[in-house]
Amino acid sequence: MKHITSITTTTLLAAAALAQSTAPAASPIAFDLTAGYDSEYYYRGLWFSNDNTWFNLGASKKLSDSTTASAFAYYTADSGSTYQELDLGASLAFDVGFATITAGYTYFFFFDGYSATGLGQSYSHEVYLSAAKAVGPVNVTTTLAYDFFIEAGYAELAVDKTLALSDSTSLVLKAAAGYSLGGYYTVINGAGFNVGSESVWTHVLLNASLPIAISSSVTLTPYIAYNISGAGRTETNTSLIGVGADEDQFFCGASIKAVF
């Protein structure tokens, strides 16, 4: 009986060891580092500064076949460091079959105030939910965000299409339209605080980028874009024409991204 038990125990241990050796390895954490330049810094249709250099450090990990966790740290500053911003965020993306759903949180810190004058709010934070799906030949993404500082929301609909030009180069065409829900930074007063309350279109953004794979882990992406201010951005953007903004404006930039 002891001999039979010993054989059985040995067999079970061997089976367990075999199962462990054949089980898939845990997904490693993937990191990426991006550095870029923007001739104008527009965020959701609102102008902030020009001649910006920025850096983004990202990390992601597959938690399962359908779930991925991500985090990032983003910093941007204009050429004179008059405007500086740091964003920190995390998200979970779920492949639910018919679409990819992403839920996330972002904290925004403005080093010298929201209006880069030392006045106004110095931070903000939001939660957001997005859904992305291929519809025919294009990708469609919808986003809903809620800003806790101003207690207002933002909605966006974006459509993009990628055209392969060669084995290493693609042309990506994108159009996005934003909408303020309850005054999402639609009117900024002289003290640098949002006093808007209207639900209104904010902007339309047209973008063409050219990702170029330099190697298997490094991609260079120049782009050109055109921001068209809606009723929720016209007043603020036109009031800043003297320092670089405009109601409707072309701008451009480039970034280089390394994955490791």
Protein backbone atom coordinates (compact mmCIF):
# COMPACT_ATOMS: atom_id res chain seq x y z
CA MET A 1 0.00 0.00 0.00
CA LYS A 2 2.83 2.39 0.85
CA HIS A 3 4.50 1.47 -2.44
CA ILE A 4 1.32 2.22 -4.37
CA THR A 5 0.91 5.54 -2.52
CA SER A 6 4.50 6.47 -3.30
CA ILE A 7 4.00 5.75 -6.99
CA THR A 8 0.77 7.75 -7.03
CA THR A 9 2.38 10.72 -5.26
CA THR A 10 5.35 10.64 -7.62
CA THR A 11 3.04 10.53 -10.63
CA LEU A 12 1.01 13.49 -9.36
CA LEU A 13 4.13 15.55 -8.68
CA ALA A 14 5.48 14.77 -12.13
CA ALA A 15 2.16 15.73 -13.73
CA ALA A 16 2.10 19.01 -11.79
CA ALA A 17 5.66 19.81 -12.85
CA LEU A 18 4.79 19.03 -16.48
CA ALA A 19 1.72 21.26 -16.30
CA GLN A 20 3.78 24.14 -14.92
CA SER A 21 6.43 23.73 -17.59
CA THR A 22 3.85 23.76 -20.40
CA ALA A 23 1.68 26.59 -18.99
CA PRO A 24 2.08 29.89 -20.84
CA ALA A 25 4.49 32.32 -19.23
CA ALA A 26 3.03 35.40 -17.59
CA SER A 27 2.81 38.36 -19.93
CA PRO A 28 5.75 40.73 -19.38
CA ILE A 29 5.28 44.46 -18.90
CA ALA A 30 5.86 46.33 -22.17
CA PHE A 31 7.33 49.84 -21.94
CA ASP A 32 7.42 52.62 -24.51
CA LEU A 33 9.09 56.02 -24.54
CA THR A 34 8.04 58.78 -26.94
CA ALA A 35 9.51 62.24 -27.54
CA GLY A 36 7.76 64.75 -29.76
CA TYR A 37 7.31 68.31 -30.97
CA ASP A 38 4.09 70.25 -31.66
CA SER A 39 4.09 73.62 -33.40
CA GLU A 40 0.83 74.35 -31.52
CA TYR A 41 -0.51 72.51 -28.49
CA TYR A 42 -4.26 71.99 -28.82
CA TYR A 43 -6.09 69.67 -26.43
CA ARG A 44 -9.70 68.83 -27.25
CA GLY A 45 -9.83 71.90 -29.45
CA LEU A 46 -8.51 74.34 -26.84
CA TRP A 47 -5.20 76.12 -27.50
CA PHE A 48 -2.61 76.14 -24.71
CA SER A 49 0.80 77.06 -26.12
CA ASN A 50 3.12 76.77 -29.12
CA ASP A 51 6.53 75.30 -29.93
CA ASN A 52 6.04 72.48 -27.44
CA THR A 53 8.41 69.62 -26.73
CA TRP A 54 6.85 66.63 -25.01
CA PHE A 55 7.73 63.23 -23.58
CA ASN A 56 5.56 60.22 -22.76
CA LEU A 57 6.48 57.10 -20.80
CA GLY A 58 3.98 54.27 -21.10
CA ALA A 59 3.65 50.77 -19.70
CA SER A 60 1.17 48.00 -20.45
CA LYS A 61 0.56 44.44 -19.36
CA LYS A 62 -1.87 41.80 -20.63
CA LEU A 63 -3.84 40.49 -17.69
CA SER A 64 -5.70 37.97 -19.84
CA ASP A 65 -6.47 37.27 -23.49
CA SER A 66 -9.10 40.01 -23.37
CA THR A 67 -7.85 42.50 -20.76
CA THR A 68 -4.87 44.87 -20.81
CA ALA A 69 -3.78 47.32 -18.10
CA SER A 70 -1.88 50.46 -19.06
CA ALA A 71 -0.33 53.50 -17.37
CA PHE A 72 1.42 56.62 -18.63
CA ALA A 73 3.22 59.80 -17.62
CA TYR A 74 3.16 62.72 -20.09
CA TYR A 75 5.02 66.04 -19.86
CA THR A 76 4.87 68.99 -22.26
CA ALA A 77 6.38 72.48 -22.19
CA ASP A 78 6.65 75.34 -24.66
CA SER A 79 9.99 76.71 -25.83
CA GLY A 80 10.25 79.19 -22.96
CA SER A 81 8.75 76.85 -20.35
CA THR A 82 6.01 79.44 -19.85
CA TYR A 83 3.43 76.68 -20.08
CA GLN A 84 4.19 73.30 -18.50
CA GLU A 85 1.85 70.37 -17.95
CA LEU A 86 2.20 66.91 -16.42
CA ASP A 87 -0.44 64.21 -16.95
CA LEU A 88 -0.55 60.87 -15.12
CA GLY A 89 -3.04 58.17 -16.01
CA ALA A 90 -4.04 54.52 -15.92
CA SER A 91 -6.60 52.46 -17.80
CA LEU A 92 -8.04 49.01 -18.39
CA ALA A 93 -8.96 47.87 -21.90
CA PHE A 94 -11.43 45.03 -22.43
CA ASP A 95 -11.92 43.18 -25.71
CA VAL A 96 -15.61 42.33 -25.53
CA GLY A 97 -15.79 40.85 -29.01
CA PHE A 98 -17.83 43.46 -30.84
CA ALA A 99 -15.60 46.32 -29.62
CA THR A 100 -12.74 47.27 -27.32
CA ILE A 101 -13.91 49.12 -24.21
CA THR A 102 -11.42 51.23 -22.24
CA ALA A 103 -12.03 52.74 -18.79
CA GLY A 104 -9.44 55.13 -17.39
CA TYR A 105 -8.43 57.94 -15.07
CA THR A 106 -6.18 60.94 -15.80
CA TYR A 107 -4.73 63.57 -13.46
CA PHE A 108 -3.61 66.86 -15.03
CA PHE A 109 -1.16 69.18 -13.25
CA PHE A 110 -0.55 72.71 -14.60
CA PHE A 111 2.76 74.03 -13.28
CA ASP A 112 1.93 77.71 -13.64
CA GLY A 113 -1.84 77.62 -13.70
CA TYR A 114 -4.26 76.57 -16.39
CA SER A 115 -3.77 79.86 -18.24
CA ALA A 116 0.06 79.85 -17.83
CA THR A 117 -0.10 83.14 -15.93
CA GLY A 118 0.07 81.81 -12.40
CA LEU A 119 -3.69 82.30 -12.16
CA GLY A 120 -6.52 79.82 -12.36
CA GLN A 121 -6.69 76.16 -11.47
CA SER A 122 -3.45 74.26 -11.00
CA TYR A 123 -4.86 70.78 -11.54
CA SER A 124 -7.76 68.74 -12.83
CA HIS A 125 -8.70 65.08 -12.97
CA GLU A 126 -11.15 62.99 -14.93
CA VAL A 127 -12.52 59.54 -15.59
CA TYR A 128 -13.33 58.41 -19.10
CA LEU A 129 -14.87 55.55 -21.01
CA SER A 130 -14.22 54.82 -24.68
CA ALA A 131 -15.33 52.24 -27.20
CA ALA A 132 -13.41 51.41 -30.38
CA LYS A 133 -14.66 49.28 -33.25
CA ALA A 134 -13.83 48.63 -36.89
CA VAL A 135 -16.78 49.64 -39.04
CA GLY A 136 -16.23 48.64 -42.64
CA PRO A 137 -12.96 50.18 -43.85
CA VAL A 138 -12.54 52.61 -40.91
CA ASN A 139 -12.04 52.53 -37.16
CA VAL A 140 -14.60 54.39 -35.05
CA THR A 141 -13.93 55.52 -31.46
CA THR A 142 -16.37 57.20 -29.10
CA THR A 143 -15.22 58.76 -25.81
CA LEU A 144 -17.05 60.13 -22.79
CA ALA A 145 -15.10 61.95 -20.05
CA TYR A 146 -16.09 63.67 -16.81
CA ASP A 147 -13.91 66.41 -15.27
CA PHE A 148 -14.28 66.52 -11.49
CA PHE A 149 -12.75 70.01 -11.07
CA ILE A 150 -15.27 71.82 -13.24
CA GLU A 151 -18.01 69.19 -12.92
CA ALA A 152 -18.60 69.00 -16.65
CA GLY A 153 -18.31 66.37 -19.34
CA TYR A 154 -16.80 65.93 -22.78
CA ALA A 155 -17.86 63.66 -25.65
CA GLU A 156 -15.90 62.86 -28.80
CA LEU A 157 -16.46 60.87 -31.96
CA ALA A 158 -13.37 59.97 -34.00
CA VAL A 159 -12.90 58.09 -37.28
CA ASP A 160 -9.55 56.96 -38.67
CA LYS A 161 -8.26 54.99 -41.62
CA THR A 162 -4.79 53.49 -42.10
CA LEU A 163 -3.38 53.10 -45.61
CA ALA A 164 -0.24 50.99 -46.05
CA LEU A 165 2.22 52.74 -48.35
CA SER A 166 5.04 50.22 -47.98
CA ASP A 167 6.25 47.54 -45.58
CA SER A 168 7.53 50.24 -43.23
CA THR A 169 5.34 53.28 -43.88
CA SER A 170 1.63 54.01 -43.47
CA LEU A 171 -0.63 57.01 -43.93
CA VAL A 172 -3.16 57.50 -41.13
CA LEU A 173 -6.09 59.85 -41.78
CA LYS A 174 -8.21 60.89 -38.80
CA ALA A 175 -11.15 63.17 -38.13
CA ALA A 176 -12.55 63.92 -34.65
CA ALA A 177 -15.39 66.08 -33.36
CA GLY A 178 -15.80 67.13 -29.74
CA TYR A 179 -18.84 68.23 -27.74
CA SER A 180 -19.06 70.00 -24.38
CA LEU A 181 -21.49 68.56 -21.85
CA GLY A 182 -22.42 71.31 -19.38
CA GLY A 183 -19.58 73.75 -20.09
CA TYR A 184 -16.39 71.75 -20.63
CA TYR A 185 -13.85 74.63 -20.64
CA THR A 186 -16.00 76.67 -23.00
CA VAL A 187 -15.39 80.10 -21.38
CA ILE A 188 -12.20 80.93 -19.44
CA ASN A 189 -12.40 84.13 -17.39
CA GLY A 190 -9.58 86.59 -16.65
CA ALA A 191 -8.69 84.73 -13.47
CA GLY A 192 -8.02 81.56 -15.45
CA PHE A 193 -11.10 79.61 -14.35
CA ASN A 194 -13.76 77.97 -16.48
CA VAL A 195 -17.13 79.74 -16.21
CA GLY A 196 -18.82 78.07 -19.17
CA SER A 197 -22.06 76.20 -18.66
CA GLU A 198 -23.31 75.46 -22.17
CA SER A 199 -23.56 72.15 -24.00
CA VAL A 200 -22.15 72.91 -27.42
CA TRP A 201 -19.78 71.66 -30.12
CA THR A 202 -16.17 72.38 -29.20
CA HIS A 203 -14.15 71.64 -32.34
CA VAL A 204 -13.37 69.47 -35.32
CA LEU A 205 -9.84 68.15 -35.76
CA LEU A 206 -8.43 66.81 -39.04
CA ASN A 207 -5.12 64.96 -38.86
CA ALA A 208 -2.82 63.17 -41.31
CA SER A 209 0.17 61.29 -39.91
CA LEU A 210 2.89 59.17 -41.51
CA PRO A 211 4.21 56.44 -39.18
CA ILE A 212 7.58 55.20 -40.44
CA ALA A 213 9.03 52.05 -38.87
CA ILE A 214 12.75 52.71 -38.52
CA SER A 215 13.24 49.31 -36.88
CA SER A 216 11.10 46.67 -35.20
CA SER A 217 10.98 48.80 -32.04
CA VAL A 218 11.36 52.43 -33.21
CA THR A 219 8.77 54.46 -35.13
CA LEU A 220 9.04 58.02 -36.44
CA THR A 221 5.71 59.82 -37.01
CA PRO A 222 5.44 63.27 -38.60
CA TYR A 223 1.98 64.80 -38.84
CA ILE A 224 -0.02 67.79 -40.01
CA ALA A 225 -3.36 68.82 -38.49
CA TYR A 226 -6.10 71.44 -38.76
CA ASN A 227 -8.14 72.55 -35.76
CA ILE A 228 -11.56 74.12 -36.42
CA SER A 229 -13.05 75.85 -33.38
CA GLY A 230 -16.71 75.27 -32.64
CA ALA A 231 -18.95 77.57 -30.62
CA GLY A 232 -17.46 76.19 -27.42
CA ARG A 233 -13.91 77.20 -28.36
CA THR A 234 -14.18 80.26 -30.61
CA GLU A 235 -14.27 82.90 -27.85
CA THR A 236 -11.26 81.55 -25.94
CA ASN A 237 -9.12 80.63 -28.96
CA THR A 238 -9.67 83.95 -30.75
CA SER A 239 -8.87 85.90 -27.57
CA LEU A 240 -5.38 84.32 -27.68
CA ILE A 241 -4.54 85.15 -31.29
CA GLY A 242 -1.81 87.52 -30.15
CA VAL A 243 0.14 84.70 -28.48
CA GLY A 244 -0.32 82.01 -31.15
CA ALA A 245 -3.88 80.70 -31.14
CA ASP A 246 -6.52 81.17 -33.80
CA GLU A 247 -10.13 80.24 -34.43
CA ASP A 248 -9.07 77.78 -37.16
CA GLN A 249 -5.43 76.80 -37.46
CA PHE A 250 -3.02 74.46 -39.22
CA PHE A 251 -0.25 73.00 -37.08
CA CYS A 252 2.27 70.20 -37.38
CA GLY A 253 4.77 68.13 -35.48
CA ALA A 254 6.60 64.85 -35.20
CA SER A 255 7.36 62.18 -32.64
CA ILE A 256 9.69 59.24 -32.26
CA LYS A 257 8.62 56.22 -30.21
CA ALA A 258 10.69 53.32 -28.89
CA VAL A 259 9.16 50.13 -27.51
CA PHE A 260 11.19 47.98 -25.13
